[in-house]
Amino acid sequence: MKELAEQFVDEGLFGDIPDHLANYIDMDAIARDLAVDYAETELAGERLIYRAM
């Protein structure tokens, strides 16, 4: 989930983050929050993350 959190931040899902604040983002906390809405599994050797509703 941490990689997904980093991807979301990189893609701007949390808006523009000034460079001087980027080091203060807690990726582990974002990953824990994402784990509530997303699931992770491995299929044919490939890791998949999906959102189940």
N, C-alpha and C. Protein backbone atom coordinates (compact mmCIF):
# COMPACT_ATOMS: atom_id res chain seq x y z
N MET A 1 0.81 -1.19 0.00
CA MET A 1 0.00 0.00 0.00
C MET A 1 0.87 1.27 0.00
N LYS A 2 2.07 1.14 0.53
CA LYS A 2 2.93 2.32 0.57
C LYS A 2 3.28 2.79 -0.84
N GLU A 3 3.51 1.85 -1.74
CA GLU A 3 3.79 2.22 -3.13
C GLU A 3 2.60 2.93 -3.75
N LEU A 4 1.40 2.48 -3.44
CA LEU A 4 0.18 3.12 -3.94
C LEU A 4 0.07 4.53 -3.37
N ALA A 5 0.37 4.69 -2.10
CA ALA A 5 0.35 6.02 -1.48
C ALA A 5 1.33 6.96 -2.17
N GLU A 6 2.53 6.47 -2.42
CA GLU A 6 3.54 7.28 -3.11
C GLU A 6 3.09 7.64 -4.51
N GLN A 7 2.47 6.69 -5.20
CA GLN A 7 1.97 6.94 -6.55
C GLN A 7 0.88 8.02 -6.52
N PHE A 8 -0.04 7.92 -5.58
CA PHE A 8 -1.12 8.91 -5.47
C PHE A 8 -0.56 10.31 -5.20
N VAL A 9 0.43 10.40 -4.33
CA VAL A 9 1.05 11.70 -4.04
C VAL A 9 1.76 12.22 -5.29
N ASP A 10 2.52 11.36 -5.95
CA ASP A 10 3.24 11.76 -7.17
C ASP A 10 2.30 12.23 -8.27
N GLU A 11 1.14 11.59 -8.36
CA GLU A 11 0.17 11.94 -9.41
C GLU A 11 -0.68 13.15 -9.06
N GLY A 12 -0.50 13.68 -7.85
CA GLY A 12 -1.20 14.89 -7.47
C GLY A 12 -2.58 14.70 -6.90
N LEU A 13 -2.92 13.50 -6.46
CA LEU A 13 -4.25 13.27 -5.89
C LEU A 13 -4.47 14.04 -4.60
N PHE A 14 -3.39 14.49 -3.96
CA PHE A 14 -3.50 15.28 -2.74
C PHE A 14 -3.21 16.75 -3.01
N GLY A 15 -3.22 17.13 -4.28
CA GLY A 15 -2.96 18.51 -4.66
C GLY A 15 -1.47 18.77 -4.80
N ASP A 16 -1.15 20.02 -5.06
CA ASP A 16 0.25 20.42 -5.18
C ASP A 16 0.86 20.52 -3.79
N ILE A 17 1.95 19.81 -3.61
CA ILE A 17 2.64 19.82 -2.32
C ILE A 17 3.96 20.56 -2.51
N PRO A 18 4.13 21.66 -1.80
CA PRO A 18 5.37 22.43 -1.92
C PRO A 18 6.58 21.58 -1.53
N ASP A 19 7.69 21.80 -2.20
CA ASP A 19 8.90 21.02 -1.95
C ASP A 19 9.32 21.06 -0.49
N HIS A 20 9.16 22.21 0.17
CA HIS A 20 9.62 22.31 1.55
C HIS A 20 8.74 21.52 2.53
N LEU A 21 7.59 21.04 2.07
CA LEU A 21 6.72 20.23 2.93
C LEU A 21 6.72 18.75 2.55
N ALA A 22 7.26 18.41 1.42
CA ALA A 22 7.20 17.04 0.90
C ALA A 22 7.81 16.02 1.87
N ASN A 23 8.85 16.40 2.59
CA ASN A 23 9.51 15.47 3.52
C ASN A 23 8.67 15.18 4.75
N TYR A 24 7.61 15.95 4.97
CA TYR A 24 6.78 15.76 6.16
C TYR A 24 5.55 14.90 5.90
N ILE A 25 5.38 14.42 4.68
CA ILE A 25 4.24 13.57 4.36
C ILE A 25 4.50 12.17 4.92
N ASP A 26 3.56 11.67 5.67
CA ASP A 26 3.68 10.35 6.30
C ASP A 26 3.07 9.30 5.38
N MET A 27 3.89 8.71 4.53
CA MET A 27 3.42 7.72 3.56
C MET A 27 2.85 6.49 4.25
N ASP A 28 3.40 6.13 5.40
CA ASP A 28 2.89 4.97 6.14
C ASP A 28 1.46 5.22 6.61
N ALA A 29 1.18 6.44 7.06
CA ALA A 29 -0.17 6.77 7.50
C ALA A 29 -1.15 6.76 6.33
N ILE A 30 -0.72 7.29 5.20
CA ILE A 30 -1.58 7.26 4.00
C ILE A 30 -1.83 5.81 3.59
N ALA A 31 -0.79 4.98 3.65
CA ALA A 31 -0.92 3.57 3.27
C ALA A 31 -1.92 2.86 4.18
N ARG A 32 -1.88 3.16 5.48
CA ARG A 32 -2.85 2.54 6.41
C ARG A 32 -4.27 2.97 6.06
N ASP A 33 -4.45 4.22 5.72
CA ASP A 33 -5.78 4.70 5.32
C ASP A 33 -6.25 4.02 4.03
N LEU A 34 -5.34 3.86 3.08
CA LEU A 34 -5.71 3.22 1.82
C LEU A 34 -6.08 1.76 2.03
N ALA A 35 -5.47 1.10 3.00
CA ALA A 35 -5.74 -0.31 3.26
C ALA A 35 -7.19 -0.54 3.68
N VAL A 36 -7.87 0.50 4.13
CA VAL A 36 -9.29 0.38 4.50
C VAL A 36 -10.16 0.21 3.25
N ASP A 37 -9.81 0.92 2.18
CA ASP A 37 -10.63 0.92 0.95
C ASP A 37 -10.09 0.04 -0.16
N TYR A 38 -8.84 -0.34 -0.08
CA TYR A 38 -8.21 -1.11 -1.16
C TYR A 38 -7.77 -2.47 -0.63
N ALA A 39 -7.73 -3.44 -1.53
CA ALA A 39 -7.26 -4.78 -1.20
C ALA A 39 -6.08 -5.11 -2.11
N GLU A 40 -5.24 -6.01 -1.65
CA GLU A 40 -4.06 -6.39 -2.39
C GLU A 40 -4.04 -7.91 -2.53
N THR A 41 -3.70 -8.39 -3.71
CA THR A 41 -3.60 -9.82 -3.94
C THR A 41 -2.53 -10.08 -4.99
N GLU A 42 -2.14 -11.32 -5.12
CA GLU A 42 -1.18 -11.70 -6.15
C GLU A 42 -1.84 -12.72 -7.07
N LEU A 43 -1.72 -12.49 -8.36
CA LEU A 43 -2.34 -13.36 -9.35
C LEU A 43 -1.32 -13.62 -10.45
N ALA A 44 -1.00 -14.87 -10.66
CA ALA A 44 -0.03 -15.29 -11.68
C ALA A 44 1.30 -14.55 -11.51
N GLY A 45 1.71 -14.38 -10.25
CA GLY A 45 2.99 -13.74 -9.98
C GLY A 45 2.98 -12.22 -10.05
N GLU A 46 1.83 -11.65 -10.33
CA GLU A 46 1.73 -10.19 -10.42
C GLU A 46 0.91 -9.66 -9.25
N ARG A 47 1.42 -8.62 -8.60
CA ARG A 47 0.72 -8.02 -7.46
C ARG A 47 -0.32 -7.04 -7.99
N LEU A 48 -1.55 -7.20 -7.50
CA LEU A 48 -2.65 -6.34 -7.93
C LEU A 48 -3.25 -5.65 -6.71
N ILE A 49 -3.56 -4.38 -6.87
CA ILE A 49 -4.24 -3.62 -5.84
C ILE A 49 -5.54 -3.12 -6.46
N TYR A 50 -6.63 -3.36 -5.76
CA TYR A 50 -7.93 -2.98 -6.31
C TYR A 50 -8.83 -2.41 -5.22
N ARG A 51 -9.80 -1.66 -5.67
CA ARG A 51 -10.75 -1.07 -4.75
C ARG A 51 -12.05 -1.83 -4.85
N ALA A 52 -12.48 -2.41 -3.76
CA ALA A 52 -13.73 -3.19 -3.74
C ALA A 52 -14.79 -2.37 -3.01
N MET A 53 -15.92 -2.25 -3.64
CA MET A 53 -17.02 -1.49 -3.01
C MET A 53 -18.20 -2.37 -2.79
